[in-house]
């Protein structure tokens, strides 16, 4: 019995050292060596400090900025610790009310804009943390942002085009605009 207990404890220690210490250190070392930016959260750095991540959206509510996709992570927007969709179906009265409220906020921020509101500006994604919007959603906001910043719509359009990424490898996903990167570029353009 003592021999069996000793063997069991020895296996526990060996497996704990291998899977709980050696393997995580190896994987972390490889990740830091091969993909340091991704291993550290894909942070966006500005003036020597982190201002966000390329992987997690941020809440922009000032009408002078492009707004991202709404987050389903309540009560705080873009709370990575609460990632997940709302699980509200298209006929759910709470979803319908939320979409109507979001459309009203977009219309109030830009009363002259009568274009149809792109769906990704009024509905949250499955993760609730999307850092990108569709080019149509960015296009919808160009006039408002340009007017409130005193910029020409053409200059803002050029920024949107410069920050629009195509499909991954030309076939996967959809074209998208990174909201944080676009808003940072807007700030740089406005301060020139």
C-alpha atoms as a PDB file:
ATOM      1  CA  UNK A   1       0.000   0.000   0.000  1.00  0.00           C
ATOM      2  CA  UNK A   2       2.815   2.445   0.858  1.00  0.00           C
ATOM      3  CA  UNK A   3       4.546   1.625  -2.428  1.00  0.00           C
ATOM      4  CA  UNK A   4       1.346   2.375  -4.384  1.00  0.00           C
ATOM      5  CA  UNK A   5       0.844   5.667  -2.504  1.00  0.00           C
ATOM      6  CA  UNK A   6       4.465   6.661  -3.157  1.00  0.00           C
ATOM      7  CA  UNK A   7       4.101   5.877  -6.894  1.00  0.00           C
ATOM      8  CA  UNK A   8       0.870   7.841  -7.062  1.00  0.00           C
ATOM      9  CA  UNK A   9       2.413  10.902  -5.377  1.00  0.00           C
ATOM     10  CA  UNK A  10       5.469  10.681  -7.636  1.00  0.00           C
ATOM     11  CA  UNK A  11       3.232  10.582 -10.754  1.00  0.00           C
ATOM     12  CA  UNK A  12       1.209  13.504  -9.414  1.00  0.00           C
ATOM     13  CA  UNK A  13       4.380  15.560  -8.922  1.00  0.00           C
ATOM     14  CA  UNK A  14       5.807  14.605 -12.331  1.00  0.00           C
ATOM     15  CA  UNK A  15       2.576  15.355 -14.211  1.00  0.00           C
ATOM     16  CA  UNK A  16       2.078  18.594 -12.278  1.00  0.00           C
ATOM     17  CA  UNK A  17       5.605  19.690 -13.180  1.00  0.00           C
ATOM     18  CA  UNK A  18       5.177  18.672 -16.823  1.00  0.00           C
ATOM     19  CA  UNK A  19       1.666  19.946 -17.508  1.00  0.00           C
ATOM     20  CA  UNK A  20       1.395  22.682 -14.908  1.00  0.00           C
ATOM     21  CA  UNK A  21       4.864  24.247 -15.169  1.00  0.00           C
ATOM     22  CA  UNK A  22       7.004  23.061 -18.103  1.00  0.00           C
ATOM     23  CA  UNK A  23       4.317  23.050 -20.823  1.00  0.00           C
ATOM     24  CA  UNK A  24       2.866  26.502 -19.969  1.00  0.00           C
ATOM     25  CA  UNK A  25       6.385  27.971 -19.805  1.00  0.00           C
ATOM     26  CA  UNK A  26       7.264  26.435 -23.177  1.00  0.00           C
ATOM     27  CA  UNK A  27       4.078  27.649 -24.871  1.00  0.00           C
ATOM     28  CA  UNK A  28       4.379  31.128 -23.337  1.00  0.00           C
ATOM     29  CA  UNK A  29       8.029  31.356 -24.396  1.00  0.00           C
ATOM     30  CA  UNK A  30       7.210  30.292 -27.949  1.00  0.00           C
ATOM     31  CA  UNK A  31       4.311  32.736 -28.176  1.00  0.00           C
ATOM     32  CA  UNK A  32       6.425  35.610 -26.833  1.00  0.00           C
ATOM     33  CA  UNK A  33       9.241  34.754 -29.237  1.00  0.00           C
ATOM     34  CA  UNK A  34       7.198  34.141 -32.387  1.00  0.00           C
ATOM     35  CA  UNK A  35       4.131  36.373 -31.904  1.00  0.00           C
ATOM     36  CA  UNK A  36       4.937  38.989 -29.235  1.00  0.00           C
ATOM     37  CA  UNK A  37       2.213  41.500 -30.200  1.00  0.00           C
ATOM     38  CA  UNK A  38      -0.533  38.873 -30.264  1.00  0.00           C
ATOM     39  CA  UNK A  39       0.709  37.167 -27.089  1.00  0.00           C
ATOM     40  CA  UNK A  40       0.441  40.485 -25.269  1.00  0.00           C
ATOM     41  CA  UNK A  41      -3.133  41.263 -26.292  1.00  0.00           C
ATOM     42  CA  UNK A  42      -2.655  42.919 -29.704  1.00  0.00           C
ATOM     43  CA  UNK A  43      -2.439  46.281 -27.961  1.00  0.00           C
ATOM     44  CA  UNK A  44      -2.691  49.565 -29.844  1.00  0.00           C
ATOM     45  CA  UNK A  45      -0.002  51.897 -28.525  1.00  0.00           C
ATOM     46  CA  UNK A  46      -0.216  55.675 -28.662  1.00  0.00           C
ATOM     47  CA  UNK A  47       2.224  58.108 -27.034  1.00  0.00           C
ATOM     48  CA  UNK A  48       3.994  55.259 -25.251  1.00  0.00           C
ATOM     49  CA  UNK A  49       0.864  53.807 -23.660  1.00  0.00           C
ATOM     50  CA  UNK A  50      -1.850  51.341 -24.551  1.00  0.00           C
ATOM     51  CA  UNK A  51      -5.087  52.932 -25.774  1.00  0.00           C
ATOM     52  CA  UNK A  52      -6.896  49.733 -26.664  1.00  0.00           C
ATOM     53  CA  UNK A  53      -6.665  46.364 -28.338  1.00  0.00           C
ATOM     54  CA  UNK A  54      -7.141  45.323 -31.943  1.00  0.00           C
ATOM     55  CA  UNK A  55      -9.278  42.450 -30.640  1.00  0.00           C
ATOM     56  CA  UNK A  56     -11.784  44.212 -28.381  1.00  0.00           C
ATOM     57  CA  UNK A  57     -14.026  47.102 -29.364  1.00  0.00           C
ATOM     58  CA  UNK A  58     -14.310  50.291 -27.391  1.00  0.00           C
ATOM     59  CA  UNK A  59     -17.258  52.489 -26.630  1.00  0.00           C
ATOM     60  CA  UNK A  60     -17.222  55.785 -28.524  1.00  0.00           C
ATOM     61  CA  UNK A  61     -20.243  57.948 -27.741  1.00  0.00           C
ATOM     62  CA  UNK A  62     -18.971  61.395 -28.763  1.00  0.00           C
ATOM     63  CA  UNK A  63     -20.600  62.205 -32.139  1.00  0.00           C
ATOM     64  CA  UNK A  64     -17.233  63.545 -33.365  1.00  0.00           C
ATOM     65  CA  UNK A  65     -16.016  59.933 -33.490  1.00  0.00           C
ATOM     66  CA  UNK A  66     -17.078  56.916 -35.493  1.00  0.00           C
ATOM     67  CA  UNK A  67     -19.231  54.650 -33.374  1.00  0.00           C
ATOM     68  CA  UNK A  68     -18.636  50.922 -33.248  1.00  0.00           C
ATOM     69  CA  UNK A  69     -21.012  48.057 -33.100  1.00  0.00           C
ATOM     70  CA  UNK A  70     -23.155  47.957 -29.936  1.00  0.00           C
ATOM     71  CA  UNK A  71     -21.930  45.565 -27.270  1.00  0.00           C
ATOM     72  CA  UNK A  72     -24.063  42.888 -25.671  1.00  0.00           C
ATOM     73  CA  UNK A  73     -21.845  42.910 -22.564  1.00  0.00           C
ATOM     74  CA  UNK A  74     -23.900  44.655 -19.938  1.00  0.00           C
ATOM     75  CA  UNK A  75     -23.826  46.778 -17.914  1.00  0.00           C
ATOM     76  CA  UNK A  76     -20.455  48.084 -19.163  1.00  0.00           C
ATOM     77  CA  UNK A  77     -19.905  48.271 -22.920  1.00  0.00           C
ATOM     78  CA  UNK A  78     -17.111  46.110 -24.323  1.00  0.00           C
ATOM     79  CA  UNK A  79     -16.478  44.230 -21.099  1.00  0.00           C
ATOM     80  CA  UNK A  80     -14.183  41.395 -22.176  1.00  0.00           C
ATOM     81  CA  UNK A  81     -14.890  39.493 -18.969  1.00  0.00           C
ATOM     82  CA  UNK A  82     -18.552  39.204 -19.992  1.00  0.00           C
ATOM     83  CA  UNK A  83     -18.129  38.221 -23.633  1.00  0.00           C
ATOM     84  CA  UNK A  84     -21.205  36.739 -25.185  1.00  0.00           C
ATOM     85  CA  UNK A  85     -24.271  37.534 -27.193  1.00  0.00           C
ATOM     86  CA  UNK A  86     -27.580  38.692 -25.819  1.00  0.00           C
ATOM     87  CA  UNK A  87     -29.428  35.549 -26.951  1.00  0.00           C
ATOM     88  CA  UNK A  88     -32.392  37.718 -27.936  1.00  0.00           C
ATOM     89  CA  UNK A  89     -34.228  36.445 -31.009  1.00  0.00           C
ATOM     90  CA  UNK A  90     -35.425  38.733 -33.798  1.00  0.00           C
ATOM     91  CA  UNK A  91     -38.991  38.762 -32.459  1.00  0.00           C
ATOM     92  CA  UNK A  92     -37.997  39.469 -28.860  1.00  0.00           C
ATOM     93  CA  UNK A  93     -39.576  42.762 -27.714  1.00  0.00           C
ATOM     94  CA  UNK A  94     -36.423  43.687 -25.758  1.00  0.00           C
ATOM     95  CA  UNK A  95     -34.275  43.395 -28.912  1.00  0.00           C
ATOM     96  CA  UNK A  96     -36.797  45.336 -30.989  1.00  0.00           C
ATOM     97  CA  UNK A  97     -36.848  48.103 -28.351  1.00  0.00           C
ATOM     98  CA  UNK A  98     -33.039  48.193 -28.150  1.00  0.00           C
ATOM     99  CA  UNK A  99     -32.716  48.444 -31.946  1.00  0.00           C
ATOM    100  CA  UNK A 100     -35.314  51.243 -32.076  1.00  0.00           C
ATOM    101  CA  UNK A 101     -33.471  53.101 -29.319  1.00  0.00           C
ATOM    102  CA  UNK A 102     -30.143  52.738 -31.172  1.00  0.00           C
ATOM    103  CA  UNK A 103     -31.688  53.948 -34.439  1.00  0.00           C
ATOM    104  CA  UNK A 104     -33.157  56.949 -32.608  1.00  0.00           C
ATOM    105  CA  UNK A 105     -29.727  57.776 -31.122  1.00  0.00           C
ATOM    106  CA  UNK A 106     -28.101  57.595 -34.575  1.00  0.00           C
ATOM    107  CA  UNK A 107     -30.834  59.776 -36.108  1.00  0.00           C
ATOM    108  CA  UNK A 108     -30.562  62.302 -33.245  1.00  0.00           C
ATOM    109  CA  UNK A 109     -26.784  62.546 -33.701  1.00  0.00           C
ATOM    110  CA  UNK A 110     -27.209  63.220 -37.446  1.00  0.00           C
ATOM    111  CA  UNK A 111     -30.767  64.433 -38.167  1.00  0.00           C
ATOM    112  CA  UNK A 112     -30.027  65.177 -41.820  1.00  0.00           C
ATOM    113  CA  UNK A 113     -28.975  61.610 -42.567  1.00  0.00           C
ATOM    114  CA  UNK A 114     -31.947  59.800 -44.080  1.00  0.00           C
ATOM    115  CA  UNK A 115     -29.982  56.803 -45.384  1.00  0.00           C
ATOM    116  CA  UNK A 116     -30.941  53.359 -44.119  1.00  0.00           C
ATOM    117  CA  UNK A 117     -29.078  52.518 -40.916  1.00  0.00           C
ATOM    118  CA  UNK A 118     -26.648  49.599 -41.409  1.00  0.00           C
ATOM    119  CA  UNK A 119     -27.605  46.633 -39.279  1.00  0.00           C
ATOM    120  CA  UNK A 120     -24.216  46.379 -37.553  1.00  0.00           C
ATOM    121  CA  UNK A 121     -24.719  49.832 -35.992  1.00  0.00           C
ATOM    122  CA  UNK A 122     -27.845  48.685 -34.156  1.00  0.00           C
ATOM    123  CA  UNK A 123     -27.257  44.997 -33.344  1.00  0.00           C
ATOM    124  CA  UNK A 124     -24.583  43.344 -31.229  1.00  0.00           C
ATOM    125  CA  UNK A 125     -22.489  40.452 -32.453  1.00  0.00           C
ATOM    126  CA  UNK A 126     -22.192  36.985 -30.972  1.00  0.00           C
ATOM    127  CA  UNK A 127     -19.201  38.002 -28.857  1.00  0.00           C
ATOM    128  CA  UNK A 128     -20.433  41.504 -28.098  1.00  0.00           C
ATOM    129  CA  UNK A 129     -16.856  42.790 -28.459  1.00  0.00           C
ATOM    130  CA  UNK A 130     -16.368  43.513 -32.174  1.00  0.00           C
ATOM    131  CA  UNK A 131     -13.658  46.120 -32.817  1.00  0.00           C
ATOM    132  CA  UNK A 132     -14.701  46.538 -36.472  1.00  0.00           C
ATOM    133  CA  UNK A 133     -17.710  47.755 -38.388  1.00  0.00           C
ATOM    134  CA  UNK A 134     -18.683  47.262 -42.005  1.00  0.00           C
ATOM    135  CA  UNK A 135     -17.627  49.822 -44.605  1.00  0.00           C
ATOM    136  CA  UNK A 136     -21.343  50.664 -44.963  1.00  0.00           C
ATOM    137  CA  UNK A 137     -21.553  51.484 -41.245  1.00  0.00           C
ATOM    138  CA  UNK A 138     -18.494  53.733 -41.526  1.00  0.00           C
ATOM    139  CA  UNK A 139     -19.901  55.359 -44.681  1.00  0.00           C
ATOM    140  CA  UNK A 140     -23.156  56.078 -42.843  1.00  0.00           C
ATOM    141  CA  UNK A 141     -21.245  58.136 -40.276  1.00  0.00           C
ATOM    142  CA  UNK A 142     -18.864  60.068 -42.580  1.00  0.00           C
ATOM    143  CA  UNK A 143     -21.024  63.190 -42.986  1.00  0.00           C
ATOM    144  CA  UNK A 144     -21.652  63.550 -39.243  1.00  0.00           C
ATOM    145  CA  UNK A 145     -17.999  63.114 -38.291  1.00  0.00           C
ATOM    146  CA  UNK A 146     -16.782  65.450 -41.041  1.00  0.00           C
ATOM    147  CA  UNK A 147     -19.299  68.171 -40.101  1.00  0.00           C
ATOM    148  CA  UNK A 148     -18.596  68.025 -36.361  1.00  0.00           C
ATOM    149  CA  UNK A 149     -14.824  68.054 -36.856  1.00  0.00           C
ATOM    150  CA  UNK A 150     -14.842  70.750 -39.496  1.00  0.00           C
ATOM    151  CA  UNK A 151     -13.255  68.417 -42.047  1.00  0.00           C
ATOM    152  CA  UNK A 152     -14.207  67.821 -45.645  1.00  0.00           C
ATOM    153  CA  UNK A 153     -16.208  64.665 -46.270  1.00  0.00           C
ATOM    154  CA  UNK A 154     -13.565  63.713 -48.859  1.00  0.00           C
ATOM    155  CA  UNK A 155     -10.814  63.789 -46.204  1.00  0.00           C
ATOM    156  CA  UNK A 156     -12.863  61.607 -43.865  1.00  0.00           C
ATOM    157  CA  UNK A 157     -13.738  59.280 -46.774  1.00  0.00           C
ATOM    158  CA  UNK A 158     -10.019  58.896 -47.506  1.00  0.00           C
ATOM    159  CA  UNK A 159      -9.396  57.888 -43.874  1.00  0.00           C
ATOM    160  CA  UNK A 160     -12.191  55.317 -44.027  1.00  0.00           C
ATOM    161  CA  UNK A 161     -10.746  53.840 -47.230  1.00  0.00           C
ATOM    162  CA  UNK A 162      -7.253  53.765 -45.697  1.00  0.00           C
ATOM    163  CA  UNK A 163      -8.558  51.875 -42.653  1.00  0.00           C
ATOM    164  CA  UNK A 164     -10.742  49.395 -44.537  1.00  0.00           C
ATOM    165  CA  UNK A 165      -9.336  45.878 -44.570  1.00  0.00           C
ATOM    166  CA  UNK A 166     -10.443  43.450 -47.253  1.00  0.00           C
ATOM    167  CA  UNK A 167     -11.323  39.816 -46.877  1.00  0.00           C
ATOM    168  CA  UNK A 168      -8.684  37.694 -45.179  1.00  0.00           C
ATOM    169  CA  UNK A 169      -6.612  35.999 -47.900  1.00  0.00           C
ATOM    170  CA  UNK A 170      -9.090  37.466 -50.370  1.00  0.00           C
ATOM    171  CA  UNK A 171     -11.846  34.967 -49.542  1.00  0.00           C
ATOM    172  CA  UNK A 172     -12.556  34.758 -45.807  1.00  0.00           C
ATOM    173  CA  UNK A 173     -14.880  37.114 -43.974  1.00  0.00           C
ATOM    174  CA  UNK A 174     -16.098  40.491 -45.109  1.00  0.00           C
ATOM    175  CA  UNK A 175     -14.400  43.864 -45.583  1.00  0.00           C
ATOM    176  CA  UNK A 176     -14.189  45.722 -42.278  1.00  0.00           C
ATOM    177  CA  UNK A 177     -13.110  49.000 -40.708  1.00  0.00           C
ATOM    178  CA  UNK A 178     -11.239  49.065 -37.388  1.00  0.00           C
ATOM    179  CA  UNK A 179     -13.038  51.749 -35.344  1.00  0.00           C
ATOM    180  CA  UNK A 180     -10.237  52.455 -32.859  1.00  0.00           C
ATOM    181  CA  UNK A 181      -7.587  52.835 -35.570  1.00  0.00           C
ATOM    182  CA  UNK A 182      -9.919  55.054 -37.618  1.00  0.00           C
ATOM    183  CA  UNK A 183     -10.698  57.296 -34.644  1.00  0.00           C
ATOM    184  CA  UNK A 184      -7.012  57.613 -33.759  1.00  0.00           C
ATOM    185  CA  UNK A 185      -6.278  58.614 -37.367  1.00  0.00           C
ATOM    186  CA  UNK A 186      -9.097  61.162 -37.132  1.00  0.00           C
ATOM    187  CA  UNK A 187      -7.518  62.665 -34.030  1.00  0.00           C
ATOM    188  CA  UNK A 188      -4.154  62.867 -35.811  1.00  0.00           C
ATOM    189  CA  UNK A 189      -5.771  64.527 -38.842  1.00  0.00           C
ATOM    190  CA  UNK A 190      -7.628  67.040 -36.648  1.00  0.00           C
ATOM    191  CA  UNK A 191      -4.483  68.081 -34.771  1.00  0.00           C
ATOM    192  CA  UNK A 192      -2.424  68.880 -37.867  1.00  0.00           C
END
